[in-house]
Amino acid sequence: MDFIDLGLIPHSNAEQIQLQRLNQVIEGSAAEALYLLEHPPVVTLGRQGGIDNLLISKEALKQMGAEVVQTARGGNITCHYPGQLVVYPVIRVEKRRGGIKKFFHDMEETAIRTASHFGVEAARSEGRPGVWVGPGKLCSIGIGVKKWITYHGLSFNVSRDMKLFDAITLCGLHGAHPTSLSREAGRDIDIEEVKNVFREEFRKIFADTALAQS
């Protein structure tokens, strides 16, 4: 698997890179990949929609320097911005034990272990996808799948500045509010350090899964 840091990259550019790698993996001409990156401010809609959960006009959002983008991932509305780690795995799941459900579990587990590394106790919440710290949502997950290969993925709030979330009803869940690793840890955490920890926890978890299948 290739681990690729794309830095700060527009959503449309990252999607193009994912789709190119997705087609290459389907053809067998490239390895699976895990992309780690940040996006400029953008509000994204999933296959379940979510435009009704946009709380301000698109024009007002544009004045904030953000845009609205329709995506092929699952889930509802969310947002991305500098200071949030976005992870896009392009991975074959047809032969992974547990399939898509286990893939979701392992992605959540990677985020939970990453948070733990920084002294933050995060967990799953029954009936609500993603990773939570009490009532605060730390991490959102929404994937797309084509020919049993995943794309899109996970967003992990790192910085304290989460004001873009004020423009939406988070994931369409009334009463839910965002939180971040820095806010929960009570100190500013460098996103580059979070990338490194997430990458290593991902290696461990997905390597363990591969060994269990062999």
N, C-alpha and C. Protein backbone atom coordinates (compact mmCIF):
# COMPACT_ATOMS: atom_id res chain seq x y z
N MET A 1 0.83 -1.19 0.00
CA MET A 1 0.00 0.00 0.00
C MET A 1 0.87 1.25 0.00
N ASP A 2 0.46 2.24 -0.78
CA ASP A 2 1.17 3.52 -0.81
C ASP A 2 0.52 4.49 0.18
N PHE A 3 1.35 5.14 0.99
CA PHE A 3 0.88 6.18 1.91
C PHE A 3 1.31 7.51 1.32
N ILE A 4 0.35 8.37 0.99
CA ILE A 4 0.64 9.58 0.22
C ILE A 4 0.08 10.81 0.94
N ASP A 5 0.95 11.77 1.24
CA ASP A 5 0.54 13.02 1.88
C ASP A 5 0.35 14.06 0.78
N LEU A 6 -0.88 14.52 0.60
CA LEU A 6 -1.20 15.49 -0.44
C LEU A 6 -1.16 16.93 0.06
N GLY A 7 -0.91 17.12 1.37
CA GLY A 7 -0.87 18.47 1.91
C GLY A 7 -2.23 19.14 1.85
N LEU A 8 -2.24 20.46 1.64
CA LEU A 8 -3.49 21.22 1.51
C LEU A 8 -3.87 21.24 0.04
N ILE A 9 -5.03 20.64 -0.27
CA ILE A 9 -5.41 20.45 -1.67
C ILE A 9 -6.91 20.65 -1.84
N PRO A 10 -7.35 21.34 -2.91
CA PRO A 10 -8.79 21.52 -3.14
C PRO A 10 -9.50 20.17 -3.26
N HIS A 11 -10.76 20.16 -2.84
CA HIS A 11 -11.55 18.93 -2.84
C HIS A 11 -11.61 18.31 -4.23
N SER A 12 -11.84 19.11 -5.26
CA SER A 12 -11.98 18.57 -6.62
C SER A 12 -10.69 17.91 -7.08
N ASN A 13 -9.54 18.49 -6.74
CA ASN A 13 -8.26 17.90 -7.14
C ASN A 13 -8.03 16.56 -6.45
N ALA A 14 -8.35 16.51 -5.14
CA ALA A 14 -8.17 15.27 -4.38
C ALA A 14 -9.11 14.19 -4.91
N GLU A 15 -10.33 14.57 -5.27
CA GLU A 15 -11.27 13.58 -5.81
C GLU A 15 -10.75 13.01 -7.12
N GLN A 16 -10.18 13.87 -7.97
CA GLN A 16 -9.63 13.40 -9.24
C GLN A 16 -8.49 12.41 -9.02
N ILE A 17 -7.63 12.71 -8.05
CA ILE A 17 -6.52 11.81 -7.72
C ILE A 17 -7.04 10.48 -7.22
N GLN A 18 -8.05 10.52 -6.35
CA GLN A 18 -8.64 9.28 -5.84
C GLN A 18 -9.20 8.41 -6.96
N LEU A 19 -9.98 9.06 -7.85
CA LEU A 19 -10.63 8.31 -8.92
C LEU A 19 -9.61 7.71 -9.88
N GLN A 20 -8.53 8.44 -10.12
CA GLN A 20 -7.48 7.90 -10.98
C GLN A 20 -6.86 6.66 -10.34
N ARG A 21 -6.55 6.75 -9.03
CA ARG A 21 -5.97 5.59 -8.34
C ARG A 21 -6.99 4.45 -8.26
N LEU A 22 -8.26 4.79 -8.03
CA LEU A 22 -9.31 3.78 -7.97
C LEU A 22 -9.35 2.96 -9.26
N ASN A 23 -9.32 3.63 -10.40
CA ASN A 23 -9.34 2.92 -11.69
C ASN A 23 -8.08 2.09 -11.89
N GLN A 24 -6.95 2.60 -11.41
CA GLN A 24 -5.70 1.85 -11.53
C GLN A 24 -5.72 0.59 -10.67
N VAL A 25 -6.31 0.70 -9.48
CA VAL A 25 -6.42 -0.48 -8.60
C VAL A 25 -7.36 -1.50 -9.22
N ILE A 26 -8.46 -1.03 -9.82
CA ILE A 26 -9.39 -1.94 -10.50
C ILE A 26 -8.66 -2.69 -11.63
N GLU A 27 -7.83 -1.94 -12.37
CA GLU A 27 -7.10 -2.55 -13.49
C GLU A 27 -5.93 -3.41 -13.04
N GLY A 28 -5.52 -3.24 -11.78
CA GLY A 28 -4.37 -3.98 -11.28
C GLY A 28 -3.04 -3.35 -11.63
N SER A 29 -3.05 -2.06 -12.04
CA SER A 29 -1.82 -1.40 -12.45
C SER A 29 -1.21 -0.53 -11.35
N ALA A 30 -1.86 -0.48 -10.17
CA ALA A 30 -1.32 0.31 -9.06
C ALA A 30 -1.72 -0.34 -7.74
N ALA A 31 -0.93 -0.03 -6.72
CA ALA A 31 -1.21 -0.54 -5.38
C ALA A 31 -2.35 0.23 -4.73
N GLU A 32 -2.92 -0.35 -3.69
CA GLU A 32 -3.87 0.38 -2.86
C GLU A 32 -3.17 1.60 -2.28
N ALA A 33 -3.95 2.58 -1.83
CA ALA A 33 -3.34 3.82 -1.33
C ALA A 33 -4.13 4.39 -0.16
N LEU A 34 -3.41 5.09 0.71
CA LEU A 34 -4.03 5.87 1.77
C LEU A 34 -3.54 7.30 1.59
N TYR A 35 -4.47 8.21 1.29
CA TYR A 35 -4.14 9.62 1.12
C TYR A 35 -4.44 10.38 2.41
N LEU A 36 -3.48 11.19 2.86
CA LEU A 36 -3.67 12.04 4.03
C LEU A 36 -3.52 13.49 3.58
N LEU A 37 -4.44 14.36 3.99
CA LEU A 37 -4.48 15.70 3.44
C LEU A 37 -5.34 16.64 4.27
N GLU A 38 -5.37 17.89 3.84
CA GLU A 38 -6.30 18.89 4.34
C GLU A 38 -6.97 19.54 3.14
N HIS A 39 -8.18 20.07 3.35
CA HIS A 39 -8.88 20.80 2.29
C HIS A 39 -9.04 22.27 2.67
N PRO A 40 -9.02 23.17 1.68
CA PRO A 40 -9.53 24.52 1.92
C PRO A 40 -11.01 24.41 2.32
N PRO A 41 -11.60 25.47 2.89
CA PRO A 41 -12.99 25.37 3.37
C PRO A 41 -13.97 24.90 2.29
N VAL A 42 -14.71 23.84 2.61
CA VAL A 42 -15.69 23.29 1.68
C VAL A 42 -16.75 22.54 2.48
N VAL A 43 -18.01 22.67 2.06
CA VAL A 43 -19.11 21.89 2.62
C VAL A 43 -19.45 20.81 1.60
N THR A 44 -19.49 19.56 2.04
CA THR A 44 -19.77 18.46 1.12
C THR A 44 -21.08 17.77 1.48
N LEU A 45 -21.78 17.33 0.45
CA LEU A 45 -23.03 16.60 0.60
C LEU A 45 -22.82 15.15 0.20
N GLY A 46 -23.37 14.23 0.97
CA GLY A 46 -23.25 12.81 0.67
C GLY A 46 -24.40 12.32 -0.19
N ARG A 47 -24.43 11.03 -0.44
CA ARG A 47 -25.49 10.45 -1.27
C ARG A 47 -26.86 10.61 -0.62
N GLN A 48 -26.90 10.72 0.71
CA GLN A 48 -28.17 10.93 1.40
C GLN A 48 -28.61 12.39 1.37
N GLY A 49 -27.86 13.20 0.64
CA GLY A 49 -28.24 14.61 0.51
C GLY A 49 -27.67 15.46 1.62
N GLY A 50 -28.49 16.39 2.12
CA GLY A 50 -28.05 17.22 3.22
C GLY A 50 -28.16 18.71 2.98
N ILE A 51 -28.56 19.12 1.76
CA ILE A 51 -28.64 20.56 1.48
C ILE A 51 -29.63 21.24 2.41
N ASP A 52 -30.64 20.48 2.89
CA ASP A 52 -31.61 21.03 3.83
C ASP A 52 -30.97 21.31 5.19
N ASN A 53 -29.77 20.76 5.42
CA ASN A 53 -29.06 21.00 6.68
C ASN A 53 -27.98 22.06 6.55
N LEU A 54 -28.00 22.78 5.41
CA LEU A 54 -27.14 23.95 5.26
C LEU A 54 -27.89 25.13 5.85
N LEU A 55 -27.32 25.76 6.88
CA LEU A 55 -28.05 26.76 7.67
C LEU A 55 -27.90 28.18 7.15
N ILE A 56 -27.03 28.38 6.16
CA ILE A 56 -26.87 29.70 5.55
C ILE A 56 -26.94 29.55 4.04
N SER A 57 -27.07 30.65 3.33
CA SER A 57 -27.15 30.57 1.87
C SER A 57 -25.79 30.24 1.28
N LYS A 58 -25.82 29.71 0.05
CA LYS A 58 -24.57 29.42 -0.63
C LYS A 58 -23.77 30.71 -0.86
N GLU A 59 -24.48 31.82 -1.05
CA GLU A 59 -23.80 33.09 -1.24
C GLU A 59 -23.06 33.51 0.03
N ALA A 60 -23.71 33.33 1.19
CA ALA A 60 -23.06 33.66 2.46
C ALA A 60 -21.88 32.74 2.70
N LEU A 61 -22.03 31.49 2.31
CA LEU A 61 -20.94 30.53 2.46
C LEU A 61 -19.76 30.95 1.58
N LYS A 62 -20.07 31.41 0.38
CA LYS A 62 -19.01 31.85 -0.54
C LYS A 62 -18.25 33.03 0.04
N GLN A 63 -18.97 33.91 0.75
CA GLN A 63 -18.32 35.06 1.38
C GLN A 63 -17.37 34.62 2.49
N MET A 64 -17.62 33.43 3.04
CA MET A 64 -16.73 32.85 4.05
C MET A 64 -15.53 32.14 3.42
N GLY A 65 -15.51 32.13 2.07
CA GLY A 65 -14.41 31.47 1.36
C GLY A 65 -14.62 29.99 1.16
N ALA A 66 -15.88 29.54 1.26
CA ALA A 66 -16.18 28.11 1.13
C ALA A 66 -17.17 27.88 0.00
N GLU A 67 -17.24 26.64 -0.46
CA GLU A 67 -18.18 26.24 -1.50
C GLU A 67 -18.95 25.01 -1.06
N VAL A 68 -19.99 24.67 -1.81
CA VAL A 68 -20.77 23.45 -1.56
C VAL A 68 -20.50 22.48 -2.70
N VAL A 69 -20.19 21.22 -2.35
CA VAL A 69 -19.85 20.20 -3.35
C VAL A 69 -20.68 18.95 -3.11
N GLN A 70 -21.26 18.41 -4.17
CA GLN A 70 -21.93 17.11 -4.10
C GLN A 70 -20.89 16.02 -4.29
N THR A 71 -20.96 14.96 -3.47
CA THR A 71 -19.98 13.87 -3.57
C THR A 71 -20.70 12.53 -3.74
N ALA A 72 -19.91 11.50 -3.99
CA ALA A 72 -20.45 10.14 -4.13
C ALA A 72 -20.30 9.33 -2.86
N ARG A 73 -19.88 9.96 -1.77
CA ARG A 73 -19.72 9.22 -0.51
C ARG A 73 -21.07 8.98 0.15
N GLY A 74 -21.09 8.08 1.11
CA GLY A 74 -22.28 7.90 1.92
C GLY A 74 -22.41 9.01 2.94
N GLY A 75 -23.53 9.04 3.63
CA GLY A 75 -23.72 10.02 4.68
C GLY A 75 -24.41 11.28 4.22
N ASN A 76 -24.45 12.25 5.13
CA ASN A 76 -25.18 13.49 4.94
C ASN A 76 -24.19 14.63 4.74
N ILE A 77 -24.46 15.76 5.33
CA ILE A 77 -23.64 16.95 5.14
C ILE A 77 -22.50 17.01 6.16
N THR A 78 -21.34 17.47 5.71
CA THR A 78 -20.24 17.76 6.63
C THR A 78 -19.39 18.85 6.02
N CYS A 79 -18.31 19.22 6.68
CA CYS A 79 -17.44 20.25 6.13
C CYS A 79 -15.98 19.91 6.38
N HIS A 80 -15.12 20.50 5.56
CA HIS A 80 -13.68 20.31 5.66
C HIS A 80 -13.01 21.68 5.63
N TYR A 81 -11.84 21.77 6.25
CA TYR A 81 -11.16 23.06 6.38
C TYR A 81 -9.72 22.79 6.83
N PRO A 82 -8.81 23.74 6.64
CA PRO A 82 -7.45 23.57 7.15
C PRO A 82 -7.47 23.36 8.66
N GLY A 83 -6.69 22.40 9.13
CA GLY A 83 -6.72 22.06 10.55
C GLY A 83 -7.54 20.82 10.83
N GLN A 84 -8.13 20.26 9.80
CA GLN A 84 -8.85 18.99 9.89
C GLN A 84 -8.12 17.97 9.03
N LEU A 85 -7.79 16.81 9.61
CA LEU A 85 -7.14 15.76 8.85
C LEU A 85 -8.19 14.97 8.06
N VAL A 86 -7.99 14.91 6.75
CA VAL A 86 -8.87 14.12 5.89
C VAL A 86 -8.08 12.92 5.39
N VAL A 87 -8.71 11.75 5.44
CA VAL A 87 -8.04 10.50 5.06
C VAL A 87 -8.90 9.79 4.01
N TYR A 88 -8.30 9.52 2.86
CA TYR A 88 -9.01 8.84 1.78
C TYR A 88 -8.33 7.50 1.49
N PRO A 89 -8.91 6.39 1.91
CA PRO A 89 -8.34 5.07 1.61
C PRO A 89 -8.91 4.51 0.31
N VAL A 90 -8.03 4.10 -0.58
CA VAL A 90 -8.44 3.40 -1.80
C VAL A 90 -8.01 1.94 -1.60
N ILE A 91 -8.95 1.13 -1.11
CA ILE A 91 -8.62 -0.21 -0.60
C ILE A 91 -9.63 -1.24 -1.10
N ARG A 92 -9.14 -2.40 -1.47
CA ARG A 92 -10.02 -3.52 -1.83
C ARG A 92 -10.65 -4.10 -0.56
N VAL A 93 -11.96 -4.26 -0.59
CA VAL A 93 -12.62 -4.81 0.60
C VAL A 93 -13.34 -6.12 0.33
N GLU A 94 -13.35 -6.59 -0.92
CA GLU A 94 -14.15 -7.78 -1.22
C GLU A 94 -13.63 -9.02 -0.52
N LYS A 95 -12.31 -9.06 -0.22
CA LYS A 95 -11.74 -10.24 0.43
C LYS A 95 -11.40 -10.00 1.90
N ARG A 96 -11.72 -8.81 2.39
CA ARG A 96 -11.47 -8.53 3.81
C ARG A 96 -12.57 -9.17 4.65
N ARG A 97 -12.19 -9.88 5.68
CA ARG A 97 -13.17 -10.51 6.55
C ARG A 97 -14.06 -9.44 7.19
N GLY A 98 -15.35 -9.60 7.07
CA GLY A 98 -16.29 -8.63 7.62
C GLY A 98 -16.71 -7.56 6.63
N GLY A 99 -16.05 -7.52 5.46
CA GLY A 99 -16.46 -6.61 4.40
C GLY A 99 -16.49 -5.14 4.80
N ILE A 100 -17.49 -4.44 4.28
CA ILE A 100 -17.60 -2.99 4.50
C ILE A 100 -17.80 -2.66 5.98
N LYS A 101 -18.60 -3.47 6.67
CA LYS A 101 -18.86 -3.20 8.09
C LYS A 101 -17.57 -3.23 8.90
N LYS A 102 -16.73 -4.23 8.65
CA LYS A 102 -15.45 -4.33 9.36
C LYS A 102 -14.51 -3.19 8.94
N PHE A 103 -14.56 -2.80 7.68
CA PHE A 103 -13.75 -1.68 7.20
C PHE A 103 -14.12 -0.41 7.97
N PHE A 104 -15.42 -0.14 8.10
CA PHE A 104 -15.87 1.01 8.89
C PHE A 104 -15.33 0.92 10.32
N HIS A 105 -15.49 -0.24 10.91
CA HIS A 105 -15.04 -0.46 12.30
C HIS A 105 -13.54 -0.17 12.42
N ASP A 106 -12.75 -0.66 11.47
CA ASP A 106 -11.31 -0.48 11.54
C ASP A 106 -10.90 0.97 11.33
N MET A 107 -11.62 1.69 10.48
CA MET A 107 -11.33 3.12 10.30
C MET A 107 -11.65 3.89 11.58
N GLU A 108 -12.80 3.57 12.19
CA GLU A 108 -13.14 4.20 13.47
C GLU A 108 -12.10 3.86 14.53
N GLU A 109 -11.66 2.60 14.55
CA GLU A 109 -10.69 2.16 15.54
C GLU A 109 -9.36 2.90 15.36
N THR A 110 -8.97 3.15 14.14
CA THR A 110 -7.74 3.90 13.89
C THR A 110 -7.85 5.31 14.48
N ALA A 111 -9.00 5.95 14.28
CA ALA A 111 -9.21 7.29 14.84
C ALA A 111 -9.23 7.26 16.37
N ILE A 112 -9.87 6.25 16.95
CA ILE A 112 -9.95 6.12 18.40
C ILE A 112 -8.55 5.96 19.00
N ARG A 113 -7.74 5.10 18.40
CA ARG A 113 -6.38 4.89 18.91
C ARG A 113 -5.51 6.12 18.71
N THR A 114 -5.73 6.83 17.61
CA THR A 114 -4.98 8.06 17.39
C THR A 114 -5.31 9.09 18.46
N ALA A 115 -6.59 9.24 18.78
CA ALA A 115 -7.00 10.17 19.84
C ALA A 115 -6.38 9.77 21.17
N SER A 116 -6.37 8.46 21.45
CA SER A 116 -5.81 7.97 22.70
C SER A 116 -4.33 8.33 22.84
N HIS A 117 -3.61 8.32 21.73
CA HIS A 117 -2.19 8.67 21.74
C HIS A 117 -1.98 10.08 22.31
N PHE A 118 -2.96 10.95 22.10
CA PHE A 118 -2.87 12.33 22.58
C PHE A 118 -3.63 12.56 23.89
N GLY A 119 -3.99 11.46 24.55
CA GLY A 119 -4.64 11.56 25.85
C GLY A 119 -6.12 11.86 25.80
N VAL A 120 -6.75 11.64 24.64
CA VAL A 120 -8.19 11.90 24.49
C VAL A 120 -8.92 10.57 24.36
N GLU A 121 -9.91 10.35 25.22
CA GLU A 121 -10.68 9.11 25.21
C GLU A 121 -11.89 9.27 24.29
N ALA A 122 -11.80 8.68 23.11
CA ALA A 122 -12.87 8.75 22.13
C ALA A 122 -13.51 7.38 22.00
N ALA A 123 -14.72 7.34 21.42
CA ALA A 123 -15.45 6.08 21.33
C ALA A 123 -16.50 6.14 20.23
N ARG A 124 -17.07 4.98 19.92
CA ARG A 124 -18.22 4.93 19.02
C ARG A 124 -19.47 5.29 19.80
N SER A 125 -20.52 5.66 19.07
CA SER A 125 -21.81 5.97 19.68
C SER A 125 -22.87 5.17 18.95
N GLU A 126 -23.58 4.34 19.67
CA GLU A 126 -24.56 3.43 19.07
C GLU A 126 -25.55 4.19 18.19
N GLY A 127 -25.65 3.74 16.93
CA GLY A 127 -26.60 4.34 16.01
C GLY A 127 -26.13 5.62 15.35
N ARG A 128 -24.92 6.07 15.72
CA ARG A 128 -24.40 7.31 15.12
C ARG A 128 -22.99 7.04 14.60
N PRO A 129 -22.82 7.01 13.28
CA PRO A 129 -21.50 6.70 12.72
C PRO A 129 -20.45 7.71 13.15
N GLY A 130 -19.20 7.30 13.08
CA GLY A 130 -18.10 8.20 13.40
C GLY A 130 -17.54 7.93 14.78
N VAL A 131 -16.76 8.89 15.25
CA VAL A 131 -16.08 8.78 16.54
C VAL A 131 -16.42 10.00 17.38
N TRP A 132 -16.71 9.76 18.65
CA TRP A 132 -17.25 10.80 19.53
C TRP A 132 -16.44 10.91 20.81
N VAL A 133 -16.45 12.10 21.39
CA VAL A 133 -15.96 12.32 22.75
C VAL A 133 -17.14 12.88 23.52
N GLY A 134 -17.82 12.01 24.27
CA GLY A 134 -19.08 12.42 24.89
C GLY A 134 -20.06 12.80 23.80
N PRO A 135 -20.72 13.97 23.91
CA PRO A 135 -21.67 14.40 22.89
C PRO A 135 -21.02 15.08 21.70
N GLY A 136 -19.71 15.25 21.72
CA GLY A 136 -19.02 15.96 20.65
C GLY A 136 -18.49 15.00 19.59
N LYS A 137 -18.73 15.33 18.34
CA LYS A 137 -18.26 14.49 17.24
C LYS A 137 -16.85 14.90 16.84
N LEU A 138 -15.94 13.96 16.99
CA LEU A 138 -14.53 14.19 16.69
C LEU A 138 -14.19 13.83 15.25
N CYS A 139 -14.87 12.83 14.72
CA CYS A 139 -14.48 12.26 13.44
C CYS A 139 -15.71 11.79 12.68
N SER A 140 -15.81 12.16 11.41
CA SER A 140 -16.92 11.72 10.55
C SER A 140 -16.40 10.75 9.49
N ILE A 141 -17.26 9.81 9.09
CA ILE A 141 -16.87 8.83 8.08
C ILE A 141 -17.96 8.74 7.02
N GLY A 142 -17.54 8.77 5.77
CA GLY A 142 -18.45 8.57 4.65
C GLY A 142 -17.65 8.05 3.47
N ILE A 143 -17.98 6.89 2.98
CA ILE A 143 -17.18 6.30 1.89
C ILE A 143 -18.03 6.06 0.65
N GLY A 144 -17.31 5.92 -0.45
CA GLY A 144 -17.90 5.44 -1.68
C GLY A 144 -17.25 4.10 -1.98
N VAL A 145 -17.93 3.24 -2.74
CA VAL A 145 -17.38 1.94 -3.11
C VAL A 145 -17.69 1.68 -4.58
N LYS A 146 -16.65 1.31 -5.32
CA LYS A 146 -16.82 0.94 -6.73
C LYS A 146 -16.08 -0.36 -6.96
N LYS A 147 -16.80 -1.37 -7.42
CA LYS A 147 -16.23 -2.70 -7.65
C LYS A 147 -15.45 -3.19 -6.42
N TRP A 148 -16.04 -2.97 -5.26
CA TRP A 148 -15.50 -3.42 -3.98
C TRP A 148 -14.17 -2.74 -3.62
N ILE A 149 -13.98 -1.54 -4.13
CA ILE A 149 -12.82 -0.74 -3.75
C ILE A 149 -13.33 0.57 -3.18
N THR A 150 -12.80 0.96 -2.02
CA THR A 150 -13.29 2.15 -1.33
C THR A 150 -12.61 3.41 -1.85
N TYR A 151 -13.31 4.52 -1.68
CA TYR A 151 -12.73 5.85 -1.84
C TYR A 151 -13.54 6.80 -0.97
N HIS A 152 -13.18 8.09 -0.97
CA HIS A 152 -13.64 9.01 0.07
C HIS A 152 -13.19 8.44 1.42
N GLY A 153 -13.76 8.83 2.54
CA GLY A 153 -13.25 8.26 3.78
C GLY A 153 -13.61 8.98 5.05
N LEU A 154 -12.64 9.64 5.66
CA LEU A 154 -12.75 10.05 7.06
C LEU A 154 -12.22 11.46 7.24
N SER A 155 -12.87 12.24 8.11
CA SER A 155 -12.37 13.56 8.47
C SER A 155 -12.26 13.64 10.00
N PHE A 156 -11.10 14.09 10.47
CA PHE A 156 -10.72 14.05 11.88
C PHE A 156 -10.39 15.49 12.31
N ASN A 157 -11.22 16.05 13.17
CA ASN A 157 -11.02 17.44 13.59
C ASN A 157 -9.82 17.55 14.53
N VAL A 158 -8.86 18.36 14.16
CA VAL A 158 -7.64 18.50 14.96
C VAL A 158 -7.55 19.87 15.61
N SER A 159 -7.71 20.95 14.85
CA SER A 159 -7.52 22.30 15.38
C SER A 159 -8.72 22.76 16.19
N ARG A 160 -8.54 23.80 16.98
CA ARG A 160 -9.64 24.35 17.78
C ARG A 160 -10.66 25.09 16.93
N ASP A 161 -10.21 25.67 15.82
CA ASP A 161 -11.07 26.51 14.98
C ASP A 161 -11.99 25.64 14.14
N MET A 162 -13.26 25.59 14.51
CA MET A 162 -14.24 24.78 13.80
C MET A 162 -15.44 25.61 13.38
N LYS A 163 -15.21 26.91 13.13
CA LYS A 163 -16.35 27.81 12.90
C LYS A 163 -17.15 27.46 11.65
N LEU A 164 -16.55 26.76 10.67
CA LEU A 164 -17.31 26.39 9.47
C LEU A 164 -18.48 25.48 9.82
N PHE A 165 -18.37 24.73 10.89
CA PHE A 165 -19.48 23.86 11.31
C PHE A 165 -20.73 24.66 11.69
N ASP A 166 -20.58 25.95 11.99
CA ASP A 166 -21.73 26.78 12.33
C ASP A 166 -22.68 26.92 11.14
N ALA A 167 -22.18 26.62 9.94
CA ALA A 167 -22.99 26.77 8.74
C ALA A 167 -23.88 25.57 8.45
N ILE A 168 -23.73 24.47 9.22
CA ILE A 168 -24.47 23.25 8.93
C ILE A 168 -25.05 22.63 10.19
N THR A 169 -26.04 21.75 9.99
CA THR A 169 -26.45 20.82 11.04
C THR A 169 -25.58 19.59 10.86
N LEU A 170 -24.65 19.38 11.76
CA LEU A 170 -23.59 18.38 11.59
C LEU A 170 -24.15 17.01 11.25
N CYS A 171 -23.82 16.53 10.04
CA CYS A 171 -24.25 15.20 9.57
C CYS A 171 -25.76 15.02 9.61
N GLY A 172 -26.49 16.14 9.69
CA GLY A 172 -27.94 16.06 9.76
C GLY A 172 -28.46 15.60 11.10
N LEU A 173 -27.59 15.57 12.12
CA LEU A 173 -27.96 15.10 13.46
C LEU A 173 -28.26 16.29 14.36
N HIS A 174 -29.52 16.54 14.60
CA HIS A 174 -29.90 17.67 15.44
C HIS A 174 -29.43 17.43 16.88
N GLY A 175 -28.79 18.44 17.45
CA GLY A 175 -28.27 18.33 18.81
C GLY A 175 -26.82 17.92 18.86
N ALA A 176 -26.28 17.41 17.73
CA ALA A 176 -24.86 17.04 17.69
C ALA A 176 -24.01 18.28 17.49
N HIS A 177 -22.85 18.29 18.08
CA HIS A 177 -21.93 19.40 17.87
C HIS A 177 -20.52 18.86 17.66
N PRO A 178 -19.69 19.61 16.95
CA PRO A 178 -18.34 19.13 16.68
C PRO A 178 -17.41 19.37 17.87
N THR A 179 -16.39 18.55 17.96
CA THR A 179 -15.29 18.81 18.87
C THR A 179 -14.00 18.47 18.14
N SER A 180 -12.87 18.78 18.75
CA SER A 180 -11.60 18.53 18.07
C SER A 180 -10.58 17.96 19.05
N LEU A 181 -9.54 17.40 18.49
CA LEU A 181 -8.47 16.81 19.30
C LEU A 181 -7.81 17.88 20.17
N SER A 182 -7.53 19.04 19.61
CA SER A 182 -6.89 20.11 20.37
C SER A 182 -7.80 20.61 21.50
N ARG A 183 -9.08 20.73 21.20
CA ARG A 183 -10.02 21.20 22.22
C ARG A 183 -10.12 20.20 23.37
N GLU A 184 -10.22 18.92 23.03
CA GLU A 184 -10.37 17.90 24.07
C GLU A 184 -9.07 17.69 24.85
N ALA A 185 -7.93 17.86 24.20
CA ALA A 185 -6.65 17.68 24.88
C ALA A 185 -6.26 18.91 25.70
N GLY A 186 -6.90 20.03 25.42
CA GLY A 186 -6.60 21.26 26.14
C GLY A 186 -5.29 21.89 25.72
N ARG A 187 -4.84 21.57 24.51
CA ARG A 187 -3.60 22.15 23.98
C ARG A 187 -3.63 22.06 22.46
N ASP A 188 -2.86 22.93 21.81
CA ASP A 188 -2.82 22.89 20.36
C ASP A 188 -1.96 21.72 19.89
N ILE A 189 -2.52 20.90 19.02
CA ILE A 189 -1.83 19.71 18.52
C ILE A 189 -1.53 19.91 17.04
N ASP A 190 -0.30 19.62 16.66
CA ASP A 190 0.15 19.80 15.29
C ASP A 190 -0.43 18.71 14.39
N ILE A 191 -1.04 19.12 13.31
CA ILE A 191 -1.70 18.14 12.42
C ILE A 191 -0.70 17.19 11.79
N GLU A 192 0.54 17.62 11.61
CA GLU A 192 1.55 16.73 11.03
C GLU A 192 1.83 15.56 11.98
N GLU A 193 1.82 15.84 13.27
CA GLU A 193 2.01 14.77 14.25
C GLU A 193 0.83 13.81 14.22
N VAL A 194 -0.37 14.35 14.06
CA VAL A 194 -1.56 13.51 13.99
C VAL A 194 -1.51 12.61 12.75
N LYS A 195 -1.07 13.17 11.63
CA LYS A 195 -0.92 12.36 10.41
C LYS A 195 0.00 11.17 10.66
N ASN A 196 1.13 11.43 11.30
CA ASN A 196 2.10 10.36 11.54
C ASN A 196 1.52 9.26 12.44
N VAL A 197 0.83 9.68 13.49
CA VAL A 197 0.24 8.70 14.41
C VAL A 197 -0.87 7.92 13.71
N PHE A 198 -1.73 8.63 12.98
CA PHE A 198 -2.83 7.95 12.29
C PHE A 198 -2.28 6.93 11.30
N ARG A 199 -1.26 7.30 10.55
CA ARG A 199 -0.68 6.40 9.56
C ARG A 199 -0.15 5.12 10.22
N GLU A 200 0.52 5.26 11.36
CA GLU A 200 1.08 4.09 12.04
C GLU A 200 -0.01 3.22 12.65
N GLU A 201 -1.04 3.84 13.24
CA GLU A 201 -2.14 3.05 13.79
C GLU A 201 -2.89 2.33 12.68
N PHE A 202 -3.03 2.99 11.54
CA PHE A 202 -3.68 2.35 10.39
C PHE A 202 -2.88 1.13 9.95
N ARG A 203 -1.57 1.27 9.86
CA ARG A 203 -0.71 0.15 9.47
C ARG A 203 -0.94 -1.05 10.39
N LYS A 204 -0.94 -0.78 11.70
CA LYS A 204 -1.10 -1.86 12.67
C LYS A 204 -2.45 -2.56 12.52
N ILE A 205 -3.51 -1.78 12.48
CA ILE A 205 -4.85 -2.35 12.45
C ILE A 205 -5.11 -3.12 11.16
N PHE A 206 -4.74 -2.54 10.04
CA PHE A 206 -5.02 -3.19 8.77
C PHE A 206 -4.05 -4.34 8.50
N ALA A 207 -2.83 -4.26 9.06
CA ALA A 207 -1.92 -5.40 8.96
C ALA A 207 -2.42 -6.57 9.79
N ASP A 208 -2.97 -6.27 10.98
CA ASP A 208 -3.54 -7.34 11.82
C ASP A 208 -4.70 -8.03 11.11
N THR A 209 -5.51 -7.25 10.42
CA THR A 209 -6.64 -7.82 9.68
C THR A 209 -6.16 -8.72 8.56
N ALA A 210 -5.11 -8.26 7.85
CA ALA A 210 -4.56 -9.06 6.76
C ALA A 210 -3.98 -10.37 7.29
N LEU A 211 -3.29 -10.31 8.43
CA LEU A 211 -2.73 -11.53 9.01
C LEU A 211 -3.81 -12.50 9.45
N ALA A 212 -4.91 -11.94 9.97
CA ALA A 212 -6.03 -12.81 10.42
C ALA A 212 -6.67 -13.54 9.26
N GLN A 213 -6.56 -12.98 8.05
CA GLN A 213 -7.18 -13.59 6.88
C GLN A 213 -6.26 -14.64 6.25
N SER A 214 -4.96 -14.54 6.53
CA SER A 214 -4.00 -15.44 5.86
C SER A 214 -3.97 -16.81 6.50
